[in-house]
């Protein structure tokens, strides 16, 4: 994350916006050292897309592991009902 003051933002607006647009940078804007605004990219950054893909891959792997161990003839609704009855 980048932090810039208002004066620097005025002087380098194009450069800062290019960093937000192209690199997915998040920029905090400060006034007398206090953060007053934040510039964030509208589209997810490349890193965010990669992290999202990793999360989905992990969920797919977990699904495969559960499916491999799930008993035949038992659906999820019945399994949850059985556990609730035991409580």
PDB file of N, CA and C in Angstrom:
ATOM      1  N   UNK A   1       0.854  -1.172   0.000  1.00  0.00           N
ATOM      2  CA  UNK A   1       0.000   0.000   0.000  1.00  0.00           C
ATOM      3  C   UNK A   1       0.898   1.233   0.000  1.00  0.00           C
ATOM      4  N   UNK A   2       0.469   2.219  -0.740  1.00  0.00           N
ATOM      5  CA  UNK A   2       1.208   3.471  -0.875  1.00  0.00           C
ATOM      6  C   UNK A   2       0.457   4.557  -0.110  1.00  0.00           C
ATOM      7  N   UNK A   3       1.196   5.469   0.484  1.00  0.00           N
ATOM      8  CA  UNK A   3       0.593   6.616   1.150  1.00  0.00           C
ATOM      9  C   UNK A   3       1.145   7.882   0.504  1.00  0.00           C
ATOM     10  N   UNK A   4       0.249   8.783   0.109  1.00  0.00           N
ATOM     11  CA  UNK A   4       0.672  10.058  -0.488  1.00  0.00           C
ATOM     12  C   UNK A   4      -0.125  11.194   0.135  1.00  0.00           C
ATOM     13  N   UNK A   5       0.521  12.329   0.235  1.00  0.00           N
ATOM     14  CA  UNK A   5      -0.158  13.527   0.706  1.00  0.00           C
ATOM     15  C   UNK A   5      -0.930  14.179  -0.426  1.00  0.00           C
ATOM     16  N   UNK A   6      -1.774  15.108  -0.066  1.00  0.00           N
ATOM     17  CA  UNK A   6      -2.589  15.791  -1.073  1.00  0.00           C
ATOM     18  C   UNK A   6      -1.718  16.520  -2.089  1.00  0.00           C
ATOM     19  N   UNK A   7      -0.660  17.182  -1.646  1.00  0.00           N
ATOM     20  CA  UNK A   7       0.207  17.914  -2.561  1.00  0.00           C
ATOM     21  C   UNK A   7       0.832  16.964  -3.589  1.00  0.00           C
ATOM     22  N   UNK A   8       1.337  15.818  -3.104  1.00  0.00           N
ATOM     23  CA  UNK A   8       1.926  14.837  -4.020  1.00  0.00           C
ATOM     24  C   UNK A   8       0.869  14.287  -4.978  1.00  0.00           C
ATOM     25  N   UNK A   9      -0.334  14.072  -4.487  1.00  0.00           N
ATOM     26  CA  UNK A   9      -1.418  13.590  -5.347  1.00  0.00           C
ATOM     27  C   UNK A   9      -1.696  14.592  -6.467  1.00  0.00           C
ATOM     28  N   UNK A  10      -1.727  15.879  -6.119  1.00  0.00           N
ATOM     29  CA  UNK A  10      -1.960  16.905  -7.136  1.00  0.00           C
ATOM     30  C   UNK A  10      -0.854  16.917  -8.183  1.00  0.00           C
ATOM     31  N   UNK A  11       0.388  16.753  -7.739  1.00  0.00           N
ATOM     32  CA  UNK A  11       1.528  16.832  -8.654  1.00  0.00           C
ATOM     33  C   UNK A  11       1.699  15.577  -9.499  1.00  0.00           C
ATOM     34  N   UNK A  12       1.284  14.430  -8.984  1.00  0.00           N
ATOM     35  CA  UNK A  12       1.555  13.169  -9.667  1.00  0.00           C
ATOM     36  C   UNK A  12       0.297  12.331  -9.876  1.00  0.00           C
ATOM     37  N   UNK A  13      -0.817  12.987 -10.124  1.00  0.00           N
ATOM     38  CA  UNK A  13      -2.094  12.288 -10.260  1.00  0.00           C
ATOM     39  C   UNK A  13      -2.046  11.188 -11.313  1.00  0.00           C
ATOM     40  N   UNK A  14      -1.526  11.487 -12.490  1.00  0.00           N
ATOM     41  CA  UNK A  14      -1.493  10.488 -13.570  1.00  0.00           C
ATOM     42  C   UNK A  14      -0.660   9.275 -13.174  1.00  0.00           C
ATOM     43  N   UNK A  15       0.504   9.518 -12.603  1.00  0.00           N
ATOM     44  CA  UNK A  15       1.392   8.427 -12.196  1.00  0.00           C
ATOM     45  C   UNK A  15       0.720   7.551 -11.130  1.00  0.00           C
ATOM     46  N   UNK A  16       0.108   8.166 -10.150  1.00  0.00           N
ATOM     47  CA  UNK A  16      -0.529   7.433  -9.051  1.00  0.00           C
ATOM     48  C   UNK A  16      -1.716   6.626  -9.567  1.00  0.00           C
ATOM     49  N   UNK A  17      -2.539   7.246 -10.400  1.00  0.00           N
ATOM     50  CA  UNK A  17      -3.680   6.517 -10.960  1.00  0.00           C
ATOM     51  C   UNK A  17      -3.238   5.364 -11.856  1.00  0.00           C
ATOM     52  N   UNK A  18      -2.122   5.531 -12.552  1.00  0.00           N
ATOM     53  CA  UNK A  18      -1.590   4.439 -13.370  1.00  0.00           C
ATOM     54  C   UNK A  18      -1.191   3.249 -12.486  1.00  0.00           C
ATOM     55  N   UNK A  19      -0.603   3.524 -11.327  1.00  0.00           N
ATOM     56  CA  UNK A  19      -0.227   2.455 -10.405  1.00  0.00           C
ATOM     57  C   UNK A  19      -1.467   1.712  -9.896  1.00  0.00           C
ATOM     58  N   UNK A  20      -2.523   2.463  -9.626  1.00  0.00           N
ATOM     59  CA  UNK A  20      -3.776   1.843  -9.178  1.00  0.00           C
ATOM     60  C   UNK A  20      -4.357   0.987 -10.298  1.00  0.00           C
ATOM     61  N   UNK A  21      -4.392   1.535 -11.486  1.00  0.00           N
ATOM     62  CA  UNK A  21      -4.995   0.851 -12.627  1.00  0.00           C
ATOM     63  C   UNK A  21      -4.189  -0.364 -13.075  1.00  0.00           C
ATOM     64  N   UNK A  22      -2.893  -0.197 -13.260  1.00  0.00           N
ATOM     65  CA  UNK A  22      -2.076  -1.253 -13.856  1.00  0.00           C
ATOM     66  C   UNK A  22      -1.536  -2.262 -12.858  1.00  0.00           C
ATOM     67  N   UNK A  23      -1.206  -1.821 -11.669  1.00  0.00           N
ATOM     68  CA  UNK A  23      -0.581  -2.717 -10.690  1.00  0.00           C
ATOM     69  C   UNK A  23      -1.529  -3.134  -9.574  1.00  0.00           C
ATOM     70  N   UNK A  24      -2.729  -2.547  -9.566  1.00  0.00           N
ATOM     71  CA  UNK A  24      -3.679  -2.894  -8.517  1.00  0.00           C
ATOM     72  C   UNK A  24      -3.302  -2.327  -7.158  1.00  0.00           C
ATOM     73  N   UNK A  25      -2.473  -1.295  -7.150  1.00  0.00           N
ATOM     74  CA  UNK A  25      -2.031  -0.686  -5.893  1.00  0.00           C
ATOM     75  C   UNK A  25      -3.203  -0.024  -5.165  1.00  0.00           C
ATOM     76  N   UNK A  26      -3.148  -0.042  -3.864  1.00  0.00           N
ATOM     77  CA  UNK A  26      -4.088   0.702  -3.026  1.00  0.00           C
ATOM     78  C   UNK A  26      -3.318   1.904  -2.495  1.00  0.00           C
ATOM     79  N   UNK A  27      -3.900   3.088  -2.600  1.00  0.00           N
ATOM     80  CA  UNK A  27      -3.208   4.314  -2.218  1.00  0.00           C
ATOM     81  C   UNK A  27      -4.017   5.046  -1.149  1.00  0.00           C
ATOM     82  N   UNK A  28      -3.390   5.283  -0.005  1.00  0.00           N
ATOM     83  CA  UNK A  28      -4.008   6.097   1.031  1.00  0.00           C
ATOM     84  C   UNK A  28      -3.623   7.552   0.791  1.00  0.00           C
ATOM     85  N   UNK A  29      -4.601   8.442   0.871  1.00  0.00           N
ATOM     86  CA  UNK A  29      -4.388   9.879   0.710  1.00  0.00           C
ATOM     87  C   UNK A  29      -4.406  10.502   2.096  1.00  0.00           C
ATOM     88  N   UNK A  30      -3.370  11.301   2.391  1.00  0.00           N
ATOM     89  CA  UNK A  30      -3.287  11.909   3.725  1.00  0.00           C
ATOM     90  C   UNK A  30      -3.373  13.429   3.641  1.00  0.00           C
ATOM     91  N   UNK A  31      -3.830  14.005   4.737  1.00  0.00           N
ATOM     92  CA  UNK A  31      -3.878  15.453   4.915  1.00  0.00           C
ATOM     93  C   UNK A  31      -3.300  15.731   6.297  1.00  0.00           C
ATOM     94  N   UNK A  32      -2.180  16.408   6.321  1.00  0.00           N
ATOM     95  CA  UNK A  32      -1.450  16.655   7.570  1.00  0.00           C
ATOM     96  C   UNK A  32      -1.193  15.350   8.329  1.00  0.00           C
ATOM     97  N   UNK A  33      -0.816  14.306   7.583  1.00  0.00           N
ATOM     98  CA  UNK A  33      -0.444  13.034   8.181  1.00  0.00           C
ATOM     99  C   UNK A  33      -1.594  12.115   8.542  1.00  0.00           C
ATOM    100  N   UNK A  34      -2.813  12.566   8.372  1.00  0.00           N
ATOM    101  CA  UNK A  34      -3.986  11.745   8.702  1.00  0.00           C
ATOM    102  C   UNK A  34      -4.635  11.239   7.413  1.00  0.00           C
ATOM    103  N   UNK A  35      -4.882   9.941   7.359  1.00  0.00           N
ATOM    104  CA  UNK A  35      -5.508   9.359   6.171  1.00  0.00           C
ATOM    105  C   UNK A  35      -6.941   9.853   6.058  1.00  0.00           C
ATOM    106  N   UNK A  36      -7.259  10.398   4.885  1.00  0.00           N
ATOM    107  CA  UNK A  36      -8.613  10.934   4.673  1.00  0.00           C
ATOM    108  C   UNK A  36      -9.348  10.233   3.541  1.00  0.00           C
ATOM    109  N   UNK A  37      -8.612   9.496   2.715  1.00  0.00           N
ATOM    110  CA  UNK A  37      -9.253   8.814   1.586  1.00  0.00           C
ATOM    111  C   UNK A  37      -8.374   7.644   1.158  1.00  0.00           C
ATOM    112  N   UNK A  38      -8.975   6.759   0.370  1.00  0.00           N
ATOM    113  CA  UNK A  38      -8.236   5.600  -0.155  1.00  0.00           C
ATOM    114  C   UNK A  38      -8.650   5.379  -1.603  1.00  0.00           C
ATOM    115  N   UNK A  39      -7.654   5.221  -2.472  1.00  0.00           N
ATOM    116  CA  UNK A  39      -7.893   4.865  -3.867  1.00  0.00           C
ATOM    117  C   UNK A  39      -7.695   3.361  -3.999  1.00  0.00           C
ATOM    118  N   UNK A  40      -8.705   2.690  -4.525  1.00  0.00           N
ATOM    119  CA  UNK A  40      -8.605   1.242  -4.730  1.00  0.00           C
ATOM    120  C   UNK A  40      -8.999   0.926  -6.165  1.00  0.00           C
ATOM    121  N   UNK A  41      -8.391  -0.104  -6.749  1.00  0.00           N
ATOM    122  CA  UNK A  41      -8.768  -0.466  -8.110  1.00  0.00           C
ATOM    123  C   UNK A  41     -10.181  -1.036  -8.144  1.00  0.00           C
ATOM    124  N   UNK A  42     -10.894  -0.753  -9.210  1.00  0.00           N
ATOM    125  CA  UNK A  42     -12.255  -1.253  -9.355  1.00  0.00           C
ATOM    126  C   UNK A  42     -12.223  -2.742  -9.647  1.00  0.00           C
ATOM    127  N   UNK A  43     -11.351  -3.152 -10.555  1.00  0.00           N
ATOM    128  CA  UNK A  43     -11.203  -4.569 -10.871  1.00  0.00           C
ATOM    129  C   UNK A  43     -10.218  -5.193  -9.897  1.00  0.00           C
ATOM    130  N   UNK A  44     -10.441  -6.469  -9.562  1.00  0.00           N
ATOM    131  CA  UNK A  44      -9.483  -7.120  -8.666  1.00  0.00           C
ATOM    132  C   UNK A  44      -8.090  -7.159  -9.309  1.00  0.00           C
ATOM    133  N   UNK A  45      -7.087  -7.012  -8.478  1.00  0.00           N
ATOM    134  CA  UNK A  45      -5.720  -7.083  -8.974  1.00  0.00           C
ATOM    135  C   UNK A  45      -5.377  -8.507  -9.385  1.00  0.00           C
ATOM    136  N   UNK A  46      -4.281  -8.650 -10.091  1.00  0.00           N
ATOM    137  CA  UNK A  46      -3.822  -9.970 -10.530  1.00  0.00           C
ATOM    138  C   UNK A  46      -3.617 -10.886  -9.327  1.00  0.00           C
ATOM    139  N   UNK A  47      -3.055 -10.343  -8.255  1.00  0.00           N
ATOM    140  CA  UNK A  47      -2.817 -11.136  -7.046  1.00  0.00           C
ATOM    141  C   UNK A  47      -4.139 -11.586  -6.428  1.00  0.00           C
ATOM    142  N   UNK A  48      -5.133 -10.717  -6.404  1.00  0.00           N
ATOM    143  CA  UNK A  48      -6.436 -11.086  -5.840  1.00  0.00           C
ATOM    144  C   UNK A  48      -7.080 -12.194  -6.664  1.00  0.00           C
ATOM    145  N   UNK A  49      -6.957 -12.122  -7.981  1.00  0.00           N
ATOM    146  CA  UNK A  49      -7.507 -13.169  -8.844  1.00  0.00           C
ATOM    147  C   UNK A  49      -6.805 -14.497  -8.582  1.00  0.00           C
ATOM    148  N   UNK A  50      -5.496 -14.433  -8.391  1.00  0.00           N
ATOM    149  CA  UNK A  50      -4.725 -15.639  -8.121  1.00  0.00           C
ATOM    150  C   UNK A  50      -5.131 -16.251  -6.779  1.00  0.00           C
ATOM    151  N   UNK A  51      -5.308 -15.408  -5.756  1.00  0.00           N
ATOM    152  CA  UNK A  51      -5.737 -15.891  -4.445  1.00  0.00           C
ATOM    153  C   UNK A  51      -7.128 -16.517  -4.523  1.00  0.00           C
ATOM    154  N   UNK A  52      -8.013 -15.898  -5.277  1.00  0.00           N
ATOM    155  CA  UNK A  52      -9.365 -16.437  -5.447  1.00  0.00           C
ATOM    156  C   UNK A  52      -9.312 -17.803  -6.126  1.00  0.00           C
ATOM    157  N   UNK A  53      -8.469 -17.930  -7.138  1.00  0.00           N
ATOM    158  CA  UNK A  53      -8.325 -19.213  -7.833  1.00  0.00           C
ATOM    159  C   UNK A  53      -7.797 -20.279  -6.879  1.00  0.00           C
ATOM    160  N   UNK A  54      -6.866 -19.902  -6.003  1.00  0.00           N
ATOM    161  CA  UNK A  54      -6.328 -20.849  -5.023  1.00  0.00           C
ATOM    162  C   UNK A  54      -7.396 -21.296  -4.031  1.00  0.00           C
ATOM    163  N   UNK A  55      -8.257 -20.380  -3.623  1.00  0.00           N
ATOM    164  CA  UNK A  55      -9.339 -20.720  -2.697  1.00  0.00           C
ATOM    165  C   UNK A  55     -10.286 -21.724  -3.338  1.00  0.00           C
ATOM    166  N   UNK A  56     -10.660 -21.472  -4.601  1.00  0.00           N
ATOM    167  CA  UNK A  56     -11.553 -22.400  -5.294  1.00  0.00           C
ATOM    168  C   UNK A  56     -10.894 -23.764  -5.483  1.00  0.00           C
ATOM    169  N   UNK A  57      -9.607 -23.776  -5.763  1.00  0.00           N
ATOM    170  CA  UNK A  57      -8.891 -25.050  -5.917  1.00  0.00           C
ATOM    171  C   UNK A  57      -8.885 -25.822  -4.597  1.00  0.00           C
ATOM    172  N   UNK A  58      -8.676 -25.106  -3.484  1.00  0.00           N
ATOM    173  CA  UNK A  58      -8.712 -25.750  -2.160  1.00  0.00           C
ATOM    174  C   UNK A  58     -10.093 -26.330  -1.874  1.00  0.00           C
ATOM    175  N   UNK A  59     -11.126 -25.588  -2.228  1.00  0.00           N
ATOM    176  CA  UNK A  59     -12.491 -26.081  -2.007  1.00  0.00           C
ATOM    177  C   UNK A  59     -12.785 -27.300  -2.878  1.00  0.00           C
ATOM    178  N   UNK A  60     -12.305 -27.292  -4.107  1.00  0.00           N
ATOM    179  CA  UNK A  60     -12.474 -28.459  -4.982  1.00  0.00           C
ATOM    180  C   UNK A  60     -11.779 -29.687  -4.401  1.00  0.00           C
ATOM    181  N   UNK A  61     -10.587 -29.488  -3.849  1.00  0.00           N
ATOM    182  CA  UNK A  61      -9.848 -30.594  -3.238  1.00  0.00           C
ATOM    183  C   UNK A  61     -10.591 -31.129  -2.013  1.00  0.00           C
ATOM    184  N   UNK A  62     -11.104 -30.216  -1.183  1.00  0.00           N
ATOM    185  CA  UNK A  62     -11.869 -30.619  -0.008  1.00  0.00           C
ATOM    186  C   UNK A  62     -13.121 -31.396  -0.410  1.00  0.00           C
ATOM    187  N   UNK A  63     -13.785 -30.937  -1.446  1.00  0.00           N
ATOM    188  CA  UNK A  63     -14.972 -31.635  -1.955  1.00  0.00           C
ATOM    189  C   UNK A  63     -14.623 -33.056  -2.383  1.00  0.00           C
ATOM    190  N   UNK A  64     -13.515 -33.207  -3.075  1.00  0.00           N
ATOM    191  CA  UNK A  64     -13.089 -34.541  -3.524  1.00  0.00           C
ATOM    192  C   UNK A  64     -12.783 -35.447  -2.338  1.00  0.00           C
ATOM    193  N   UNK A  65     -12.151 -34.896  -1.301  1.00  0.00           N
ATOM    194  CA  UNK A  65     -11.822 -35.692  -0.117  1.00  0.00           C
ATOM    195  C   UNK A  65     -13.087 -36.129   0.625  1.00  0.00           C
ATOM    196  N   UNK A  66     -14.031 -35.228   0.781  1.00  0.00           N
ATOM    197  CA  UNK A  66     -15.286 -35.567   1.463  1.00  0.00           C
ATOM    198  C   UNK A  66     -16.056 -36.597   0.655  1.00  0.00           C
ATOM    199  N   UNK A  67     -16.136 -36.398  -0.647  1.00  0.00           N
ATOM    200  CA  UNK A  67     -16.858 -37.325  -1.525  1.00  0.00           C
ATOM    201  C   UNK A  67     -16.260 -38.725  -1.450  1.00  0.00           C
ATOM    202  N   UNK A  68     -14.945 -38.826  -1.388  1.00  0.00           N
ATOM    203  CA  UNK A  68     -14.285 -40.136  -1.341  1.00  0.00           C
ATOM    204  C   UNK A  68     -14.619 -40.898  -0.059  1.00  0.00           C
ATOM    205  N   UNK A  69     -14.897 -40.181   1.012  1.00  0.00           N
ATOM    206  CA  UNK A  69     -15.170 -40.819   2.304  1.00  0.00           C
ATOM    207  C   UNK A  69     -16.662 -40.895   2.648  1.00  0.00           C
ATOM    208  N   UNK A  70     -17.492 -40.279   1.849  1.00  0.00           N
ATOM    209  CA  UNK A  70     -18.924 -40.202   2.151  1.00  0.00           C
ATOM    210  C   UNK A  70     -19.574 -41.568   1.919  1.00  0.00           C
ATOM    211  N   UNK A  71     -20.353 -42.050   2.897  1.00  0.00           N
ATOM    212  CA  UNK A  71     -20.990 -43.367   2.741  1.00  0.00           C
ATOM    213  C   UNK A  71     -22.060 -43.356   1.649  1.00  0.00           C
ATOM    214  N   UNK A  72     -22.178 -44.466   0.940  1.00  0.00           N
ATOM    215  CA  UNK A  72     -23.186 -44.595  -0.107  1.00  0.00           C
ATOM    216  C   UNK A  72     -24.584 -44.576   0.500  1.00  0.00           C
ATOM    217  N   UNK A  73     -25.507 -43.959  -0.189  1.00  0.00           N
ATOM    218  CA  UNK A  73     -26.893 -43.953   0.236  1.00  0.00           C
ATOM    219  C   UNK A  73     -27.230 -42.939   1.316  1.00  0.00           C
ATOM    220  N   UNK A  74     -26.293 -42.118   1.723  1.00  0.00           N
ATOM    221  CA  UNK A  74     -26.544 -41.110   2.759  1.00  0.00           C
ATOM    222  C   UNK A  74     -26.413 -39.730   2.123  1.00  0.00           C
ATOM    223  N   UNK A  75     -27.465 -38.918   2.283  1.00  0.00           N
ATOM    224  CA  UNK A  75     -27.343 -37.559   1.759  1.00  0.00           C
ATOM    225  C   UNK A  75     -27.008 -36.608   2.909  1.00  0.00           C
ATOM    226  N   UNK A  76     -26.582 -35.399   2.569  1.00  0.00           N
ATOM    227  CA  UNK A  76     -26.126 -34.436   3.562  1.00  0.00           C
ATOM    228  C   UNK A  76     -27.240 -34.036   4.527  1.00  0.00           C
ATOM    229  N   UNK A  77     -28.462 -33.912   4.042  1.00  0.00           N
ATOM    230  CA  UNK A  77     -29.587 -33.516   4.899  1.00  0.00           C
ATOM    231  C   UNK A  77     -29.803 -34.558   5.995  1.00  0.00           C
ATOM    232  N   UNK A  78     -29.796 -35.835   5.608  1.00  0.00           N
ATOM    233  CA  UNK A  78     -29.985 -36.891   6.601  1.00  0.00           C
ATOM    234  C   UNK A  78     -28.833 -36.921   7.607  1.00  0.00           C
ATOM    235  N   UNK A  79     -27.615 -36.707   7.143  1.00  0.00           N
ATOM    236  CA  UNK A  79     -26.455 -36.710   8.038  1.00  0.00           C
ATOM    237  C   UNK A  79     -26.570 -35.595   9.071  1.00  0.00           C
ATOM    238  N   UNK A  80     -26.975 -34.406   8.654  1.00  0.00           N
ATOM    239  CA  UNK A  80     -27.127 -33.280   9.589  1.00  0.00           C
ATOM    240  C   UNK A  80     -28.253 -33.567  10.574  1.00  0.00           C
ATOM    241  N   UNK A  81     -29.355 -34.119  10.102  1.00  0.00           N
ATOM    242  CA  UNK A  81     -30.477 -34.446  10.997  1.00  0.00           C
ATOM    243  C   UNK A  81     -30.053 -35.453  12.057  1.00  0.00           C
ATOM    244  N   UNK A  82     -29.276 -36.455  11.671  1.00  0.00           N
ATOM    245  CA  UNK A  82     -28.810 -37.462  12.634  1.00  0.00           C
ATOM    246  C   UNK A  82     -27.948 -36.833  13.708  1.00  0.00           C
ATOM    247  N   UNK A  83     -27.078 -35.929  13.318  1.00  0.00           N
ATOM    248  CA  UNK A  83     -26.202 -35.272  14.300  1.00  0.00           C
ATOM    249  C   UNK A  83     -27.025 -34.385  15.223  1.00  0.00           C
ATOM    250  N   UNK A  84     -27.998 -33.704  14.700  1.00  0.00           N
ATOM    251  CA  UNK A  84     -28.841 -32.842  15.544  1.00  0.00           C
ATOM    252  C   UNK A  84     -29.634 -33.654  16.553  1.00  0.00           C
ATOM    253  N   UNK A  85     -30.075 -34.827  16.167  1.00  0.00           N
ATOM    254  CA  UNK A  85     -30.807 -35.678  17.106  1.00  0.00           C
ATOM    255  C   UNK A  85     -29.935 -36.104  18.259  1.00  0.00           C
ATOM    256  N   UNK A  86     -28.639 -36.319  18.001  1.00  0.00           N
ATOM    257  CA  UNK A  86     -27.707 -36.749  19.048  1.00  0.00           C
ATOM    258  C   UNK A  86     -27.444 -35.648  20.060  1.00  0.00           C
ATOM    259  N   UNK A  87     -27.664 -34.396  19.690  1.00  0.00           N
ATOM    260  CA  UNK A  87     -27.395 -33.300  20.614  1.00  0.00           C
ATOM    261  C   UNK A  87     -28.507 -33.239  21.600  1.00  0.00           C
TER     262      UNK A  87
END
